[in-house]
N, C-alpha and C. Protein backbone atom coordinates (compact mmCIF):
# COMPACT_ATOMS: atom_id res chain seq x y z
N MET A 1 36.59 -2.11 253.30
CA MET A 1 37.13 -3.00 254.29
C MET A 1 38.37 -2.40 254.95
N GLU A 2 38.88 -1.32 254.41
CA GLU A 2 40.06 -0.66 254.98
C GLU A 2 39.84 -0.32 256.44
N GLY A 3 40.87 -0.46 257.24
CA GLY A 3 40.80 -0.04 258.62
C GLY A 3 40.95 -1.17 259.62
N LYS A 4 40.61 -0.84 260.87
CA LYS A 4 40.75 -1.79 261.98
C LYS A 4 39.41 -2.46 262.27
N TRP A 5 39.47 -3.76 262.51
CA TRP A 5 38.28 -4.56 262.81
C TRP A 5 38.55 -5.40 264.05
N ARG A 6 37.67 -5.34 265.03
CA ARG A 6 37.77 -6.15 266.24
C ARG A 6 36.98 -7.44 266.02
N ILE A 7 37.59 -8.56 266.34
CA ILE A 7 36.88 -9.84 266.24
C ILE A 7 35.99 -9.98 267.46
N VAL A 8 34.68 -10.08 267.23
CA VAL A 8 33.73 -10.16 268.34
C VAL A 8 33.18 -11.57 268.54
N ALA A 9 33.39 -12.45 267.55
CA ALA A 9 32.96 -13.84 267.69
C ALA A 9 33.76 -14.70 266.72
N ALA A 10 34.02 -15.94 267.14
CA ALA A 10 34.71 -16.90 266.28
C ALA A 10 34.14 -18.28 266.57
N GLU A 11 34.06 -19.07 265.52
CA GLU A 11 33.49 -20.41 265.64
C GLU A 11 34.28 -21.35 264.73
N GLN A 12 34.52 -22.56 265.22
CA GLN A 12 35.15 -23.59 264.40
C GLN A 12 34.46 -24.91 264.68
N GLY A 13 34.10 -25.60 263.61
CA GLY A 13 33.44 -26.88 263.77
C GLY A 13 32.15 -26.80 264.55
N GLY A 14 31.43 -25.66 264.41
CA GLY A 14 30.16 -25.49 265.10
C GLY A 14 30.29 -25.06 266.56
N ARG A 15 31.52 -24.80 267.03
CA ARG A 15 31.74 -24.41 268.43
C ARG A 15 32.46 -23.07 268.51
N LYS A 16 32.15 -22.29 269.55
CA LYS A 16 32.84 -21.03 269.77
C LYS A 16 34.29 -21.31 270.14
N VAL A 17 35.20 -20.45 269.63
CA VAL A 17 36.63 -20.59 269.91
C VAL A 17 37.23 -19.22 270.20
N ASP A 18 38.41 -19.21 270.83
CA ASP A 18 39.15 -17.97 271.02
C ASP A 18 39.74 -17.54 269.68
N SER A 19 40.00 -16.25 269.54
CA SER A 19 40.51 -15.75 268.27
C SER A 19 41.42 -14.55 268.50
N PRO A 20 42.18 -14.17 267.45
CA PRO A 20 42.97 -12.94 267.56
C PRO A 20 42.05 -11.77 267.90
N ASP A 21 42.61 -10.76 268.50
CA ASP A 21 41.85 -9.62 268.99
C ASP A 21 41.45 -8.64 267.90
N LEU A 22 42.36 -8.37 266.97
CA LEU A 22 42.16 -7.28 266.03
C LEU A 22 42.77 -7.64 264.68
N VAL A 23 42.12 -7.18 263.60
CA VAL A 23 42.66 -7.33 262.25
C VAL A 23 42.68 -5.95 261.62
N VAL A 24 43.79 -5.62 260.97
CA VAL A 24 43.92 -4.34 260.28
C VAL A 24 44.06 -4.64 258.79
N PHE A 25 43.15 -4.08 257.97
CA PHE A 25 43.21 -4.20 256.52
C PHE A 25 43.72 -2.89 255.95
N SER A 26 44.73 -2.97 255.08
CA SER A 26 45.27 -1.79 254.43
C SER A 26 45.79 -2.21 253.05
N GLY A 27 45.17 -1.67 251.99
CA GLY A 27 45.54 -2.09 250.65
C GLY A 27 45.26 -3.57 250.50
N ASP A 28 46.28 -4.35 250.11
CA ASP A 28 46.11 -5.80 250.00
C ASP A 28 46.75 -6.53 251.18
N GLN A 29 47.02 -5.80 252.26
CA GLN A 29 47.65 -6.37 253.45
C GLN A 29 46.64 -6.51 254.58
N CYS A 30 46.79 -7.56 255.36
CA CYS A 30 46.02 -7.67 256.61
C CYS A 30 46.98 -8.14 257.69
N ILE A 31 46.79 -7.58 258.87
CA ILE A 31 47.66 -7.89 260.00
C ILE A 31 46.78 -8.36 261.15
N LEU A 32 47.03 -9.59 261.63
CA LEU A 32 46.34 -10.11 262.81
C LEU A 32 47.13 -9.68 264.03
N LYS A 33 46.44 -9.05 264.98
CA LYS A 33 47.09 -8.58 266.20
C LYS A 33 46.46 -9.31 267.38
N ASN A 34 47.30 -10.00 268.12
CA ASN A 34 46.85 -10.75 269.28
C ASN A 34 47.77 -10.38 270.44
N PRO A 35 47.23 -9.83 271.53
CA PRO A 35 48.08 -9.39 272.64
C PRO A 35 49.04 -10.50 273.09
N GLY A 36 50.30 -10.12 273.26
CA GLY A 36 51.30 -11.06 273.74
C GLY A 36 51.95 -11.90 272.66
N LEU A 37 51.50 -11.78 271.42
CA LEU A 37 52.07 -12.55 270.32
C LEU A 37 52.54 -11.60 269.22
N PRO A 38 53.51 -12.02 268.40
CA PRO A 38 53.93 -11.17 267.29
C PRO A 38 52.78 -10.98 266.29
N ASP A 39 52.74 -9.81 265.64
CA ASP A 39 51.75 -9.58 264.60
C ASP A 39 51.97 -10.58 263.47
N LEU A 40 50.88 -11.01 262.84
CA LEU A 40 50.95 -11.93 261.70
C LEU A 40 50.50 -11.17 260.46
N GLU A 41 51.45 -10.87 259.58
CA GLU A 41 51.15 -10.11 258.37
C GLU A 41 50.86 -11.06 257.22
N SER A 42 49.78 -10.78 256.49
CA SER A 42 49.36 -11.58 255.36
C SER A 42 48.91 -10.66 254.24
N THR A 43 48.65 -11.24 253.07
CA THR A 43 48.03 -10.50 251.98
C THR A 43 46.67 -11.12 251.71
N PHE A 44 45.80 -10.35 251.07
CA PHE A 44 44.48 -10.88 250.75
C PHE A 44 44.01 -10.35 249.41
N THR A 45 43.11 -11.11 248.78
CA THR A 45 42.43 -10.68 247.57
C THR A 45 40.94 -10.89 247.77
N LEU A 46 40.16 -10.04 247.12
CA LEU A 46 38.70 -10.12 247.18
C LEU A 46 38.15 -10.34 245.78
N ASP A 47 37.05 -11.06 245.69
CA ASP A 47 36.30 -11.16 244.44
C ASP A 47 34.83 -10.94 244.78
N PRO A 48 34.39 -9.66 244.73
CA PRO A 48 33.01 -9.34 245.08
C PRO A 48 32.00 -9.74 244.01
N SER A 49 32.47 -10.25 242.85
CA SER A 49 31.55 -10.66 241.80
C SER A 49 30.94 -12.03 242.09
N LYS A 50 31.52 -12.77 243.01
CA LYS A 50 31.02 -14.11 243.36
C LYS A 50 29.88 -14.00 244.37
N ASN A 51 29.08 -15.06 244.45
CA ASN A 51 27.98 -15.09 245.42
C ASN A 51 28.01 -16.43 246.13
N PRO A 52 28.39 -16.47 247.42
CA PRO A 52 28.84 -15.35 248.24
C PRO A 52 30.21 -14.84 247.78
N LYS A 53 30.53 -13.61 248.21
CA LYS A 53 31.78 -12.97 247.82
C LYS A 53 32.97 -13.77 248.35
N TRP A 54 34.08 -13.75 247.59
CA TRP A 54 35.26 -14.53 247.95
C TRP A 54 36.33 -13.65 248.58
N ILE A 55 37.04 -14.23 249.55
CA ILE A 55 38.25 -13.64 250.12
C ILE A 55 39.29 -14.75 250.23
N ASP A 56 40.50 -14.47 249.78
CA ASP A 56 41.61 -15.41 249.90
C ASP A 56 42.73 -14.72 250.66
N VAL A 57 43.21 -15.35 251.71
CA VAL A 57 44.27 -14.78 252.55
C VAL A 57 45.50 -15.67 252.44
N THR A 58 46.63 -15.06 252.09
CA THR A 58 47.89 -15.80 251.96
C THR A 58 48.81 -15.39 253.09
N GLY A 59 49.20 -16.37 253.88
CA GLY A 59 50.07 -16.12 255.02
C GLY A 59 51.50 -15.85 254.58
N PRO A 60 52.33 -15.40 255.51
CA PRO A 60 53.73 -15.09 255.19
C PRO A 60 54.51 -16.34 254.80
N LYS A 61 55.54 -16.15 253.99
CA LYS A 61 56.38 -17.27 253.55
C LYS A 61 56.98 -18.00 254.74
N ALA A 62 57.26 -17.27 255.81
CA ALA A 62 57.86 -17.88 257.01
C ALA A 62 56.96 -18.96 257.61
N THR A 63 55.66 -18.87 257.35
CA THR A 63 54.74 -19.88 257.87
C THR A 63 54.24 -20.80 256.76
N GLY A 64 54.94 -20.80 255.62
CA GLY A 64 54.58 -21.70 254.54
C GLY A 64 53.84 -21.04 253.40
N GLY A 65 53.45 -19.78 253.54
CA GLY A 65 52.77 -19.06 252.47
C GLY A 65 51.47 -19.70 252.02
N VAL A 66 50.78 -20.36 252.92
CA VAL A 66 49.53 -21.05 252.58
C VAL A 66 48.44 -20.03 252.28
N THR A 67 47.63 -20.31 251.26
CA THR A 67 46.47 -19.47 250.94
C THR A 67 45.22 -20.15 251.47
N TRP A 68 44.47 -19.39 252.28
CA TRP A 68 43.23 -19.89 252.86
C TRP A 68 42.07 -19.30 252.07
N LEU A 69 41.21 -20.19 251.53
CA LEU A 69 40.07 -19.77 250.73
C LEU A 69 38.89 -19.47 251.64
N GLY A 70 38.18 -18.39 251.35
CA GLY A 70 37.06 -18.03 252.20
C GLY A 70 35.96 -17.29 251.46
N ILE A 71 34.92 -16.99 252.20
CA ILE A 71 33.82 -16.16 251.73
C ILE A 71 33.63 -15.04 252.75
N TYR A 72 33.05 -13.92 252.29
CA TYR A 72 32.83 -12.82 253.22
C TYR A 72 31.54 -12.09 252.90
N GLU A 73 31.08 -11.35 253.91
CA GLU A 73 29.88 -10.54 253.80
C GLU A 73 30.12 -9.28 254.61
N LEU A 74 29.92 -8.12 253.98
CA LEU A 74 30.12 -6.84 254.64
C LEU A 74 28.79 -6.10 254.66
N LYS A 75 28.31 -5.81 255.88
CA LYS A 75 27.06 -5.07 256.06
C LYS A 75 27.33 -3.96 257.06
N GLY A 76 27.45 -2.72 256.54
CA GLY A 76 27.73 -1.59 257.42
C GLY A 76 29.06 -1.78 258.12
N ASP A 77 29.05 -1.77 259.45
CA ASP A 77 30.26 -1.93 260.24
C ASP A 77 30.45 -3.34 260.76
N THR A 78 29.78 -4.32 260.12
CA THR A 78 29.93 -5.72 260.49
C THR A 78 30.45 -6.51 259.29
N LEU A 79 31.48 -7.30 259.54
CA LEU A 79 32.09 -8.14 258.52
C LEU A 79 32.07 -9.57 259.03
N ARG A 80 31.61 -10.48 258.17
CA ARG A 80 31.68 -11.90 258.51
C ARG A 80 32.51 -12.60 257.45
N ALA A 81 33.33 -13.55 257.88
CA ALA A 81 34.15 -14.32 256.95
C ALA A 81 34.25 -15.75 257.44
N VAL A 82 34.21 -16.68 256.50
CA VAL A 82 34.39 -18.10 256.81
C VAL A 82 35.54 -18.60 255.95
N PHE A 83 36.48 -19.31 256.57
CA PHE A 83 37.64 -19.84 255.86
C PHE A 83 37.68 -21.35 255.98
N GLN A 84 38.23 -21.98 254.93
CA GLN A 84 38.47 -23.41 254.98
C GLN A 84 39.41 -23.68 256.15
N GLY A 85 39.28 -24.81 256.77
CA GLY A 85 40.13 -25.11 257.91
C GLY A 85 41.30 -25.99 257.57
N ASP A 86 41.32 -26.51 256.36
CA ASP A 86 42.37 -27.39 255.90
C ASP A 86 42.93 -26.79 254.61
N LYS A 87 44.25 -26.62 254.53
CA LYS A 87 44.82 -25.94 253.36
C LYS A 87 44.49 -26.64 252.05
N ASN A 88 44.07 -27.88 252.09
CA ASN A 88 43.68 -28.60 250.88
C ASN A 88 42.16 -28.70 250.74
N GLY A 89 41.44 -28.00 251.62
CA GLY A 89 39.98 -28.07 251.62
C GLY A 89 39.36 -27.17 250.56
N ASN A 90 38.05 -27.28 250.45
CA ASN A 90 37.28 -26.48 249.51
C ASN A 90 36.87 -25.16 250.14
N ARG A 91 36.57 -24.20 249.29
CA ARG A 91 36.08 -22.91 249.76
C ARG A 91 34.72 -23.13 250.44
N PRO A 92 34.49 -22.52 251.60
CA PRO A 92 33.17 -22.62 252.24
C PRO A 92 32.09 -22.03 251.32
N THR A 93 30.86 -22.44 251.55
CA THR A 93 29.75 -21.96 250.72
C THR A 93 28.67 -21.28 251.54
N GLU A 94 28.77 -21.35 252.87
CA GLU A 94 27.74 -20.73 253.71
C GLU A 94 28.37 -20.14 254.97
N PHE A 95 27.62 -19.24 255.61
CA PHE A 95 28.12 -18.52 256.78
C PHE A 95 27.79 -19.26 258.07
N ARG A 96 28.38 -20.43 258.20
CA ARG A 96 28.30 -21.24 259.40
C ARG A 96 29.37 -22.31 259.29
N THR A 97 29.70 -22.93 260.40
CA THR A 97 30.62 -24.06 260.36
C THR A 97 29.87 -25.30 260.81
N LYS A 98 30.27 -26.42 260.27
CA LYS A 98 29.59 -27.67 260.60
C LYS A 98 30.33 -28.39 261.72
N LYS A 99 29.57 -29.04 262.57
CA LYS A 99 30.15 -29.80 263.67
C LYS A 99 31.21 -30.75 263.14
N GLY A 100 32.38 -30.70 263.77
CA GLY A 100 33.47 -31.58 263.39
C GLY A 100 34.33 -31.08 262.24
N SER A 101 33.92 -29.98 261.59
CA SER A 101 34.72 -29.45 260.48
C SER A 101 35.86 -28.59 261.02
N LEU A 102 36.81 -28.28 260.17
CA LEU A 102 37.91 -27.39 260.54
C LEU A 102 37.66 -25.97 260.08
N GLU A 103 36.56 -25.73 259.36
CA GLU A 103 36.25 -24.37 258.92
C GLU A 103 36.13 -23.44 260.11
N VAL A 104 36.51 -22.18 259.90
CA VAL A 104 36.44 -21.19 260.97
C VAL A 104 35.69 -19.96 260.46
N MET A 105 34.80 -19.44 261.29
CA MET A 105 34.03 -18.25 260.95
C MET A 105 34.33 -17.16 261.96
N TYR A 106 34.59 -15.96 261.44
CA TYR A 106 34.84 -14.79 262.27
C TYR A 106 33.77 -13.74 262.02
N THR A 107 33.36 -13.07 263.09
CA THR A 107 32.51 -11.89 262.98
C THR A 107 33.31 -10.72 263.52
N TYR A 108 33.42 -9.67 262.73
CA TYR A 108 34.22 -8.49 263.06
C TYR A 108 33.32 -7.27 263.16
N LYS A 109 33.69 -6.34 264.01
CA LYS A 109 33.06 -5.01 264.09
C LYS A 109 34.13 -3.98 263.79
N ARG A 110 33.79 -3.00 262.95
CA ARG A 110 34.74 -1.95 262.60
C ARG A 110 35.08 -1.13 263.84
N VAL A 111 36.37 -0.83 264.02
CA VAL A 111 36.82 0.04 265.09
C VAL A 111 36.81 1.45 264.53
N LEU A 112 35.93 2.29 265.06
CA LEU A 112 35.79 3.65 264.55
C LEU A 112 36.88 4.54 265.12
N PRO A 113 37.38 5.48 264.30
CA PRO A 113 38.47 6.37 264.78
C PRO A 113 38.02 7.26 265.91
């Protein structure tokens, strides 16, 4: 998962939404890059032993240090992840969002050097 990933699609509550432009994964750090806005640095952990695989992203303390529970799937140069939309919500269980939910799903493509 190391490297730069461009977000090519995002969905929330069953509808397409705008999203940050780029995510950079390095070690246990991820940085969301959105043109015109400050970078958002977070940490993440993976648990590939789960089915579907788990990803948890913890935001910076300045924004409350909230941990967002998610699932992910990595196939070649495509990464999909779905995150709970409410900090008190449950971890998603499938790669889609339901109409009216706050869950968000991202599809990323690896940016090749």
